[in-house]
Each structure stands twice: as C-alpha cells, then as structure tokens.
All heavy atoms as atom14 arrays in JSON, in Angstrom:
{
  "sequence": "IPRMLAAARDDGVDVVYGVRNDRSTDTWFKRVSAQAFYKLIGL",
  "atom14_mask": [
    [1, 1, 1, 1, 1, 1, 1, 1, 0, 0, 0, 0, 0, 0],
    [1, 1, 1, 1, 1, 1, 1, 0, 0, 0, 0, 0, 0, 0],
    [1, 1, 1, 1, 1, 1, 1, 1, 1, 1, 1, 0, 0, 0],
    [1, 1, 1, 1, 1, 1, 1, 1, 0, 0, 0, 0, 0, 0],
    [1, 1, 1, 1, 1, 1, 1, 1, 0, 0, 0, 0, 0, 0],
    [1, 1, 1, 1, 1, 0, 0, 0, 0, 0, 0, 0, 0, 0],
    [1, 1, 1, 1, 1, 0, 0, 0, 0, 0, 0, 0, 0, 0],
    [1, 1, 1, 1, 1, 0, 0, 0, 0, 0, 0, 0, 0, 0],
    [1, 1, 1, 1, 1, 1, 1, 1, 1, 1, 1, 0, 0, 0],
    [1, 1, 1, 1, 1, 1, 1, 1, 0, 0, 0, 0, 0, 0],
    [1, 1, 1, 1, 1, 1, 1, 1, 0, 0, 0, 0, 0, 0],
    [1, 1, 1, 1, 0, 0, 0, 0, 0, 0, 0, 0, 0, 0],
    [1, 1, 1, 1, 1, 1, 1, 0, 0, 0, 0, 0, 0, 0],
    [1, 1, 1, 1, 1, 1, 1, 1, 0, 0, 0, 0, 0, 0],
    [1, 1, 1, 1, 1, 1, 1, 0, 0, 0, 0, 0, 0, 0],
    [1, 1, 1, 1, 1, 1, 1, 0, 0, 0, 0, 0, 0, 0],
    [1, 1, 1, 1, 1, 1, 1, 1, 1, 1, 1, 1, 0, 0],
    [1, 1, 1, 1, 0, 0, 0, 0, 0, 0, 0, 0, 0, 0],
    [1, 1, 1, 1, 1, 1, 1, 0, 0, 0, 0, 0, 0, 0],
    [1, 1, 1, 1, 1, 1, 1, 1, 1, 1, 1, 0, 0, 0],
    [1, 1, 1, 1, 1, 1, 1, 1, 0, 0, 0, 0, 0, 0],
    [1, 1, 1, 1, 1, 1, 1, 1, 0, 0, 0, 0, 0, 0],
    [1, 1, 1, 1, 1, 1, 1, 1, 1, 1, 1, 0, 0, 0],
    [1, 1, 1, 1, 1, 1, 0, 0, 0, 0, 0, 0, 0, 0],
    [1, 1, 1, 1, 1, 1, 1, 0, 0, 0, 0, 0, 0, 0],
    [1, 1, 1, 1, 1, 1, 1, 1, 0, 0, 0, 0, 0, 0],
    [1, 1, 1, 1, 1, 1, 1, 0, 0, 0, 0, 0, 0, 0],
    [1, 1, 1, 1, 1, 1, 1, 1, 1, 1, 1, 1, 1, 1],
    [1, 1, 1, 1, 1, 1, 1, 1, 1, 1, 1, 0, 0, 0],
    [1, 1, 1, 1, 1, 1, 1, 1, 1, 0, 0, 0, 0, 0],
    [1, 1, 1, 1, 1, 1, 1, 1, 1, 1, 1, 0, 0, 0],
    [1, 1, 1, 1, 1, 1, 1, 0, 0, 0, 0, 0, 0, 0],
    [1, 1, 1, 1, 1, 1, 0, 0, 0, 0, 0, 0, 0, 0],
    [1, 1, 1, 1, 1, 0, 0, 0, 0, 0, 0, 0, 0, 0],
    [1, 1, 1, 1, 1, 1, 1, 1, 1, 0, 0, 0, 0, 0],
    [1, 1, 1, 1, 1, 0, 0, 0, 0, 0, 0, 0, 0, 0],
    [1, 1, 1, 1, 1, 1, 1, 1, 1, 1, 1, 0, 0, 0],
    [1, 1, 1, 1, 1, 1, 1, 1, 1, 1, 1, 1, 0, 0],
    [1, 1, 1, 1, 1, 1, 1, 1, 1, 0, 0, 0, 0, 0],
    [1, 1, 1, 1, 1, 1, 1, 1, 0, 0, 0, 0, 0, 0],
    [1, 1, 1, 1, 1, 1, 1, 1, 0, 0, 0, 0, 0, 0],
    [1, 1, 1, 1, 0, 0, 0, 0, 0, 0, 0, 0, 0, 0],
    [1, 1, 1, 1, 1, 1, 1, 1, 0, 0, 0, 0, 0, 0]
  ],
  "atom14_positions": [
    [[0.81, -1.2, 0.08], [0.0, 0.02, -0.06], [0.8, 1.26, 0.08], [0.49, 2.23, -0.71], [-0.97, -0.06, 1.2], [-2.03, -1.13, 1.08], [-1.69, 1.33, 1.33], [-3.04, -1.29, 2.14], [0.0, 0.0, 0.0], [0.0, 0.0, 0.0], [0.0, 0.0, 0.0], [0.0, 0.0, 0.0], [0.0, 0.0, 0.0], [0.0, 0.0, 0.0]],
    [[1.91, 1.33, 0.82], [2.67, 2.62, 0.77], [3.31, 2.8, -0.64], [3.41, 4.07, -1.04], [3.85, 2.32, 1.83], [3.16, 1.43, 2.76], [2.34, 0.53, 1.94], [0.0, 0.0, 0.0], [0.0, 0.0, 0.0], [0.0, 0.0, 0.0], [0.0, 0.0, 0.0], [0.0, 0.0, 0.0], [0.0, 0.0, 0.0], [0.0, 0.0, 0.0]],
    [[3.59, 1.85, -1.35], [4.32, 1.97, -2.66], [3.22, 2.5, -3.66], [3.47, 3.21, -4.57], [4.89, 0.63, -3.09], [6.25, 0.31, -2.41], [6.62, -1.24, -2.73], [6.69, -1.39, -4.22], [6.79, -2.54, -4.79], [6.83, -3.66, -4.06], [6.86, -2.65, -6.1], [0.0, 0.0, 0.0], [0.0, 0.0, 0.0], [0.0, 0.0, 0.0]],
    [[2.05, 1.93, -3.41], [0.87, 2.45, -4.35], [0.58, 3.91, -4.14], [0.39, 4.66, -5.03], [-0.42, 1.54, -3.93], [-0.38, 0.12, -4.53], [-1.93, -0.73, -4.11], [-1.73, -2.19, -5.08], [0.0, 0.0, 0.0], [0.0, 0.0, 0.0], [0.0, 0.0, 0.0], [0.0, 0.0, 0.0], [0.0, 0.0, 0.0], [0.0, 0.0, 0.0]],
    [[0.57, 4.23, -2.89], [0.17, 5.71, -2.48], [1.36, 6.59, -3.07], [1.04, 7.66, -3.58], [0.08, 5.89, -1.1], [-0.35, 7.19, -0.63], [-1.61, 7.73, -1.28], [-0.49, 7.2, 0.93], [0.0, 0.0, 0.0], [0.0, 0.0, 0.0], [0.0, 0.0, 0.0], [0.0, 0.0, 0.0], [0.0, 0.0, 0.0], [0.0, 0.0, 0.0]],
    [[2.61, 6.09, -2.95], [3.71, 6.94, -3.33], [3.67, 7.04, -5.0], [3.95, 8.1, -5.49], [5.04, 6.35, -3.03], [0.0, 0.0, 0.0], [0.0, 0.0, 0.0], [0.0, 0.0, 0.0], [0.0, 0.0, 0.0], [0.0, 0.0, 0.0], [0.0, 0.0, 0.0], [0.0, 0.0, 0.0], [0.0, 0.0, 0.0], [0.0, 0.0, 0.0]],
    [[3.29, 5.96, -5.62], [3.28, 6.09, -7.07], [2.12, 6.99, -7.56], [2.3, 7.74, -8.46], [2.87, 4.62, -7.59], [0.0, 0.0, 0.0], [0.0, 0.0, 0.0], [0.0, 0.0, 0.0], [0.0, 0.0, 0.0], [0.0, 0.0, 0.0], [0.0, 0.0, 0.0], [0.0, 0.0, 0.0], [0.0, 0.0, 0.0], [0.0, 0.0, 0.0]],
    [[0.91, 6.96, -6.82], [-0.11, 7.83, -7.19], [0.31, 9.43, -6.95], [-0.08, 10.23, -7.76], [-1.42, 7.54, -6.35], [0.0, 0.0, 0.0], [0.0, 0.0, 0.0], [0.0, 0.0, 0.0], [0.0, 0.0, 0.0], [0.0, 0.0, 0.0], [0.0, 0.0, 0.0], [0.0, 0.0, 0.0], [0.0, 0.0, 0.0], [0.0, 0.0, 0.0]],
    [[0.95, 9.55, -5.92], [1.39, 11.0, -5.62], [2.44, 11.39, -6.5], [2.42, 12.54, -7.13], [1.97, 11.0, -4.2], [0.85, 11.03, -3.11], [1.59, 10.8, -1.78], [0.66, 10.96, -0.52], [1.04, 10.67, 0.7], [2.28, 10.26, 0.96], [0.19, 10.72, 1.61], [0.0, 0.0, 0.0], [0.0, 0.0, 0.0], [0.0, 0.0, 0.0]],
    [[3.46, 10.57, -6.79], [4.66, 11.01, -7.64], [4.32, 11.11, -9.11], [4.74, 12.13, -9.75], [5.82, 10.09, -7.42], [6.24, 10.05, -5.93], [5.98, 11.01, -5.18], [6.92, 9.09, -5.55], [0.0, 0.0, 0.0], [0.0, 0.0, 0.0], [0.0, 0.0, 0.0], [0.0, 0.0, 0.0], [0.0, 0.0, 0.0], [0.0, 0.0, 0.0]],
    [[3.47, 10.27, -9.62], [3.15, 10.11, -11.0], [1.95, 10.87, -11.29], [1.58, 11.05, -12.57], [3.18, 8.7, -11.55], [4.43, 7.95, -11.31], [5.5, 8.64, -11.19], [4.36, 6.7, -11.16], [0.0, 0.0, 0.0], [0.0, 0.0, 0.0], [0.0, 0.0, 0.0], [0.0, 0.0, 0.0], [0.0, 0.0, 0.0], [0.0, 0.0, 0.0]],
    [[1.11, 11.22, -10.34], [-0.11, 11.99, -10.63], [-1.12, 11.11, -11.32], [-1.9, 11.66, -12.12], [0.0, 0.0, 0.0], [0.0, 0.0, 0.0], [0.0, 0.0, 0.0], [0.0, 0.0, 0.0], [0.0, 0.0, 0.0], [0.0, 0.0, 0.0], [0.0, 0.0, 0.0], [0.0, 0.0, 0.0], [0.0, 0.0, 0.0], [0.0, 0.0, 0.0]],
    [[-1.18, 9.81, -11.07], [-2.11, 8.87, -11.75], [-3.33, 8.78, -10.84], [-3.38, 9.03, -9.58], [-1.51, 7.6, -12.15], [-0.42, 7.77, -13.12], [-0.98, 6.85, -10.88], [0.0, 0.0, 0.0], [0.0, 0.0, 0.0], [0.0, 0.0, 0.0], [0.0, 0.0, 0.0], [0.0, 0.0, 0.0], [0.0, 0.0, 0.0], [0.0, 0.0, 0.0]],
    [[-4.41, 8.26, -11.56], [-5.63, 8.05, -10.74], [-5.86, 6.65, -10.22], [-6.57, 6.3, -9.3], [-6.94, 8.36, -11.65], [-6.99, 9.75, -11.83], [-7.37, 10.67, -10.93], [-6.96, 10.35, -13.1], [0.0, 0.0, 0.0], [0.0, 0.0, 0.0], [0.0, 0.0, 0.0], [0.0, 0.0, 0.0], [0.0, 0.0, 0.0], [0.0, 0.0, 0.0]],
    [[-5.12, 5.72, -10.89], [-5.24, 4.32, -10.54], [-3.91, 3.62, -10.41], [-3.09, 3.86, -11.31], [-6.15, 3.44, -11.58], [-6.34, 2.04, -11.09], [-7.46, 4.12, -11.68], [0.0, 0.0, 0.0], [0.0, 0.0, 0.0], [0.0, 0.0, 0.0], [0.0, 0.0, 0.0], [0.0, 0.0, 0.0], [0.0, 0.0, 0.0], [0.0, 0.0, 0.0]],
    [[-3.64, 2.93, -9.41], [-2.32, 2.14, -9.37], [-2.77, 0.69, -9.09], [-3.5, 0.35, -7.99], [-1.48, 2.53, -8.16], [-0.25, 1.72, -8.13], [-1.15, 3.94, -8.38], [0.0, 0.0, 0.0], [0.0, 0.0, 0.0], [0.0, 0.0, 0.0], [0.0, 0.0, 0.0], [0.0, 0.0, 0.0], [0.0, 0.0, 0.0], [0.0, 0.0, 0.0]],
    [[-2.46, -0.14, -10.14], [-2.86, -1.55, -9.98], [-1.76, -2.41, -9.31], [-0.57, -2.18, -9.64], [-3.1, -2.18, -11.39], [-4.26, -1.52, -12.09], [-3.99, -0.58, -13.17], [-5.62, -1.86, -11.99], [-4.96, 0.08, -13.88], [-6.63, -1.36, -12.67], [-6.29, -0.28, -13.59], [-7.29, 0.25, -14.3], [0.0, 0.0, 0.0], [0.0, 0.0, 0.0]],
    [[-2.22, -3.39, -8.4], [-1.38, -4.31, -7.91], [-1.28, -5.48, -8.8], [-2.17, -6.19, -9.11], [0.0, 0.0, 0.0], [0.0, 0.0, 0.0], [0.0, 0.0, 0.0], [0.0, 0.0, 0.0], [0.0, 0.0, 0.0], [0.0, 0.0, 0.0], [0.0, 0.0, 0.0], [0.0, 0.0, 0.0], [0.0, 0.0, 0.0], [0.0, 0.0, 0.0]],
    [[-0.03, -5.74, -9.35], [0.07, -6.63, -10.42], [0.92, -7.79, -9.81], [2.1, -7.67, -9.38], [0.8, -6.23, -11.73], [1.08, -7.29, -12.76], [-0.12, -5.04, -12.35], [0.0, 0.0, 0.0], [0.0, 0.0, 0.0], [0.0, 0.0, 0.0], [0.0, 0.0, 0.0], [0.0, 0.0, 0.0], [0.0, 0.0, 0.0], [0.0, 0.0, 0.0]],
    [[0.46, -9.1, -10.03], [1.14, -10.27, -9.47], [2.28, -10.65, -10.49], [1.92, -11.06, -11.45], [0.14, -11.5, -9.3], [-0.99, -11.02, -8.42], [-2.2, -11.83, -8.73], [-3.37, -11.34, -8.08], [-4.5, -11.77, -8.38], [-4.82, -12.69, -9.25], [-5.78, -11.43, -7.75], [0.0, 0.0, 0.0], [0.0, 0.0, 0.0], [0.0, 0.0, 0.0]],
    [[3.54, -10.61, -10.07], [4.66, -11.06, -11.0], [5.0, -12.51, -10.6], [5.79, -13.01, -11.33], [5.76, -10.15, -10.9], [6.46, -10.06, -9.47], [5.87, -10.78, -8.56], [7.21, -9.16, -9.13], [0.0, 0.0, 0.0], [0.0, 0.0, 0.0], [0.0, 0.0, 0.0], [0.0, 0.0, 0.0], [0.0, 0.0, 0.0], [0.0, 0.0, 0.0]],
    [[4.38, -13.04, -9.6], [4.77, -14.45, -9.22], [3.38, -15.09, -8.75], [2.97, -14.75, -7.61], [5.82, -14.57, -8.21], [6.24, -15.98, -7.98], [5.56, -16.93, -8.34], [7.3, -16.18, -7.32], [0.0, 0.0, 0.0], [0.0, 0.0, 0.0], [0.0, 0.0, 0.0], [0.0, 0.0, 0.0], [0.0, 0.0, 0.0], [0.0, 0.0, 0.0]],
    [[2.84, -15.99, -9.51], [1.52, -16.7, -9.02], [1.78, -18.03, -8.9], [0.82, -18.87, -9.08], [0.56, -16.42, -10.04], [0.2, -14.92, -10.4], [-1.02, -14.73, -11.3], [-2.21, -15.37, -10.81], [-3.4, -15.22, -11.23], [-3.57, -14.45, -12.3], [-4.49, -15.67, -10.71], [0.0, 0.0, 0.0], [0.0, 0.0, 0.0], [0.0, 0.0, 0.0]],
    [[2.93, -18.47, -8.31], [3.33, -19.87, -8.12], [2.44, -20.44, -7.05], [2.25, -21.7, -6.96], [4.76, -20.05, -7.86], [5.04, -19.29, -6.68], [0.0, 0.0, 0.0], [0.0, 0.0, 0.0], [0.0, 0.0, 0.0], [0.0, 0.0, 0.0], [0.0, 0.0, 0.0], [0.0, 0.0, 0.0], [0.0, 0.0, 0.0], [0.0, 0.0, 0.0]],
    [[1.86, -19.67, -6.23], [0.96, -20.26, -5.09], [-0.39, -20.58, -5.74], [-1.11, -21.38, -5.01], [0.81, -19.17, -4.03], [0.27, -17.92, -4.47], [2.09, -18.83, -3.39], [0.0, 0.0, 0.0], [0.0, 0.0, 0.0], [0.0, 0.0, 0.0], [0.0, 0.0, 0.0], [0.0, 0.0, 0.0], [0.0, 0.0, 0.0], [0.0, 0.0, 0.0]],
    [[-0.69, -20.18, -6.84], [-2.01, -20.63, -7.51], [-1.9, -21.9, -8.17], [-0.82, -22.24, -8.55], [-2.45, -19.52, -8.52], [-2.93, -18.16, -7.86], [-3.24, -18.29, -6.6], [-2.87, -17.06, -8.46], [0.0, 0.0, 0.0], [0.0, 0.0, 0.0], [0.0, 0.0, 0.0], [0.0, 0.0, 0.0], [0.0, 0.0, 0.0], [0.0, 0.0, 0.0]],
    [[-2.85, -22.64, -8.43], [-2.88, -23.89, -9.13], [-2.7, -23.72, -10.6], [-2.9, -22.46, -11.1], [-4.21, -24.65, -8.93], [-5.28, -23.89, -9.49], [-4.55, -24.92, -7.41], [0.0, 0.0, 0.0], [0.0, 0.0, 0.0], [0.0, 0.0, 0.0], [0.0, 0.0, 0.0], [0.0, 0.0, 0.0], [0.0, 0.0, 0.0], [0.0, 0.0, 0.0]],
    [[-2.22, -24.72, -11.16], [-1.98, -24.54, -12.66], [-3.26, -24.23, -13.41], [-3.25, -23.48, -14.38], [-1.35, -25.91, -13.14], [-1.26, -25.99, -14.63], [-0.26, -25.56, -15.41], [-2.25, -26.42, -15.58], [-0.4, -25.67, -16.73], [-1.7, -26.34, -16.91], [-3.44, -27.01, -15.5], [-2.42, -26.77, -18.1], [-4.21, -27.47, -16.58], [-3.56, -27.31, -17.8]],
    [[-4.33, -24.89, -13.0], [-5.67, -24.75, -13.69], [-6.0, -23.19, -13.56], [-6.49, -22.66, -14.53], [-6.71, -25.59, -13.0], [-8.09, -25.34, -13.58], [-8.52, -25.71, -14.85], [-8.97, -24.55, -12.95], [-9.76, -25.4, -15.31], [-10.3, -24.31, -13.29], [-10.65, -24.77, -14.59], [0.0, 0.0, 0.0], [0.0, 0.0, 0.0], [0.0, 0.0, 0.0]],
    [[-5.86, -22.6, -12.39], [-6.29, -21.26, -12.13], [-5.48, -20.32, -12.9], [-5.99, -19.22, -13.56], [-6.25, -21.0, -10.64], [-6.74, -19.59, -10.26], [-6.83, -19.42, -8.69], [-7.49, -17.96, -8.42], [-7.65, -17.81, -7.05], [0.0, 0.0, 0.0], [0.0, 0.0, 0.0], [0.0, 0.0, 0.0], [0.0, 0.0, 0.0], [0.0, 0.0, 0.0]],
    [[-4.11, -20.56, -13.09], [-3.31, -19.6, -13.85], [-3.6, -19.67, -15.35], [-3.83, -18.65, -16.05], [-1.86, -20.0, -13.65], [-1.37, -19.8, -12.17], [0.21, -19.69, -12.21], [0.79, -21.0, -12.66], [1.04, -22.03, -11.88], [0.81, -21.94, -10.59], [1.53, -23.17, -12.37], [0.0, 0.0, 0.0], [0.0, 0.0, 0.0], [0.0, 0.0, 0.0]],
    [[-3.83, -20.89, -15.89], [-4.11, -20.98, -17.26], [-5.54, -20.51, -17.66], [-5.7, -19.71, -18.58], [-4.03, -22.57, -17.7], [-4.49, -22.81, -19.11], [-2.62, -22.94, -17.53], [0.0, 0.0, 0.0], [0.0, 0.0, 0.0], [0.0, 0.0, 0.0], [0.0, 0.0, 0.0], [0.0, 0.0, 0.0], [0.0, 0.0, 0.0], [0.0, 0.0, 0.0]],
    [[-6.44, -20.87, -16.78], [-7.82, -20.3, -17.07], [-7.97, -18.89, -16.92], [-8.78, -18.19, -17.6], [-8.84, -21.04, -16.02], [-8.48, -20.65, -14.75], [0.0, 0.0, 0.0], [0.0, 0.0, 0.0], [0.0, 0.0, 0.0], [0.0, 0.0, 0.0], [0.0, 0.0, 0.0], [0.0, 0.0, 0.0], [0.0, 0.0, 0.0], [0.0, 0.0, 0.0]],
    [[-7.24, -18.28, -15.95], [-7.19, -16.88, -15.82], [-6.69, -16.21, -17.13], [-7.16, -15.18, -17.63], [-6.46, -16.36, -14.55], [0.0, 0.0, 0.0], [0.0, 0.0, 0.0], [0.0, 0.0, 0.0], [0.0, 0.0, 0.0], [0.0, 0.0, 0.0], [0.0, 0.0, 0.0], [0.0, 0.0, 0.0], [0.0, 0.0, 0.0], [0.0, 0.0, 0.0]],
    [[-5.54, -16.61, -17.66], [-4.93, -16.09, -18.85], [-5.92, -16.12, -20.04], [-5.99, -15.26, -20.72], [-3.57, -16.74, -19.08], [-2.48, -16.44, -18.06], [-1.88, -15.16, -18.25], [-2.06, -14.52, -19.3], [-1.16, -14.68, -17.18], [0.0, 0.0, 0.0], [0.0, 0.0, 0.0], [0.0, 0.0, 0.0], [0.0, 0.0, 0.0], [0.0, 0.0, 0.0]],
    [[-6.49, -17.36, -20.13], [-7.33, -17.58, -21.31], [-8.67, -16.63, -21.21], [-9.06, -15.95, -22.1], [-7.84, -18.99, -21.4], [0.0, 0.0, 0.0], [0.0, 0.0, 0.0], [0.0, 0.0, 0.0], [0.0, 0.0, 0.0], [0.0, 0.0, 0.0], [0.0, 0.0, 0.0], [0.0, 0.0, 0.0], [0.0, 0.0, 0.0], [0.0, 0.0, 0.0]],
    [[-9.13, -16.41, -19.96], [-10.37, -15.68, -19.69], [-10.09, -14.16, -20.09], [-10.8, -13.5, -20.7], [-10.8, -15.83, -18.4], [-11.8, -14.78, -18.01], [-13.14, -14.98, -18.55], [-11.65, -13.88, -16.96], [-14.15, -14.09, -18.18], [-12.57, -13.03, -16.68], [-13.82, -13.12, -17.3], [0.0, 0.0, 0.0], [0.0, 0.0, 0.0], [0.0, 0.0, 0.0]],
    [[-8.85, -13.67, -19.59], [-8.6, -12.24, -19.81], [-8.32, -12.01, -21.26], [-8.65, -11.0, -21.75], [-7.44, -11.86, -19.0], [-7.72, -11.53, -17.58], [-7.77, -12.46, -16.46], [-8.1, -10.11, -17.25], [-8.04, -12.06, -15.26], [-8.38, -9.76, -16.02], [-8.45, -10.74, -14.97], [-8.73, -10.39, -13.72], [0.0, 0.0, 0.0], [0.0, 0.0, 0.0]],
    [[-7.66, -13.02, -21.99], [-7.53, -12.68, -23.38], [-8.86, -12.78, -24.11], [-9.05, -11.94, -25.12], [-6.72, -13.87, -23.98], [-5.23, -13.78, -23.59], [-4.41, -14.83, -24.22], [-2.88, -14.62, -23.72], [-2.06, -15.78, -24.44], [0.0, 0.0, 0.0], [0.0, 0.0, 0.0], [0.0, 0.0, 0.0], [0.0, 0.0, 0.0], [0.0, 0.0, 0.0]],
    [[-9.75, -13.64, -23.76], [-11.11, -13.8, -24.39], [-11.95, -12.39, -24.14], [-12.5, -11.74, -25.05], [-11.91, -14.97, -23.83], [-13.38, -14.96, -24.29], [-13.46, -15.21, -25.86], [-14.11, -16.16, -23.53], [0.0, 0.0, 0.0], [0.0, 0.0, 0.0], [0.0, 0.0, 0.0], [0.0, 0.0, 0.0], [0.0, 0.0, 0.0], [0.0, 0.0, 0.0]],
    [[-11.88, -11.94, -22.84], [-12.55, -10.67, -22.67], [-11.86, -9.46, -23.43], [-12.56, -8.61, -23.98], [-12.53, -10.29, -21.11], [-13.29, -11.28, -20.5], [-12.97, -8.87, -20.78], [-14.84, -11.08, -20.66], [0.0, 0.0, 0.0], [0.0, 0.0, 0.0], [0.0, 0.0, 0.0], [0.0, 0.0, 0.0], [0.0, 0.0, 0.0], [0.0, 0.0, 0.0]],
    [[-10.52, -9.46, -23.52], [-9.83, -8.43, -24.22], [-10.26, -8.44, -25.71], [-10.38, -7.38, -26.27], [0.0, 0.0, 0.0], [0.0, 0.0, 0.0], [0.0, 0.0, 0.0], [0.0, 0.0, 0.0], [0.0, 0.0, 0.0], [0.0, 0.0, 0.0], [0.0, 0.0, 0.0], [0.0, 0.0, 0.0], [0.0, 0.0, 0.0], [0.0, 0.0, 0.0]],
    [[-10.32, -9.56, -26.4], [-10.78, -9.7, -27.71], [-12.18, -9.25, -28.02], [-12.48, -8.54, -29.06], [-10.56, -11.14, -28.24], [-9.06, -11.59, -28.44], [-8.96, -12.93, -28.73], [-8.21, -10.68, -29.47], [0.0, 0.0, 0.0], [0.0, 0.0, 0.0], [0.0, 0.0, 0.0], [0.0, 0.0, 0.0], [0.0, 0.0, 0.0], [0.0, 0.0, 0.0]]
  ]
}
C-alpha cells in the first residue's frame, strides 16, 4: 500500500494496479484459465 500511494502521488495517476509477478501459489488450472479468460474478454 505505501508503494501504491507513493506512485499515485509522484506520477499523478488516478489508478495504481497491484500486479502479481509471481503466481506460483495458485494452481496450474487457475493460472491457465485466468490467462485464457482475460484474453477472451480483451478480444
């Protein structure tokens, strides 16, 4: 949270997303289905 608030203040943005760069704790099915779902919604 402190990093998010600092990014919003310093960069003057309205939204700061928390992005997971390591999802090894999720199951294989959840990772694959999430990727496919977001690609489908994006298209």
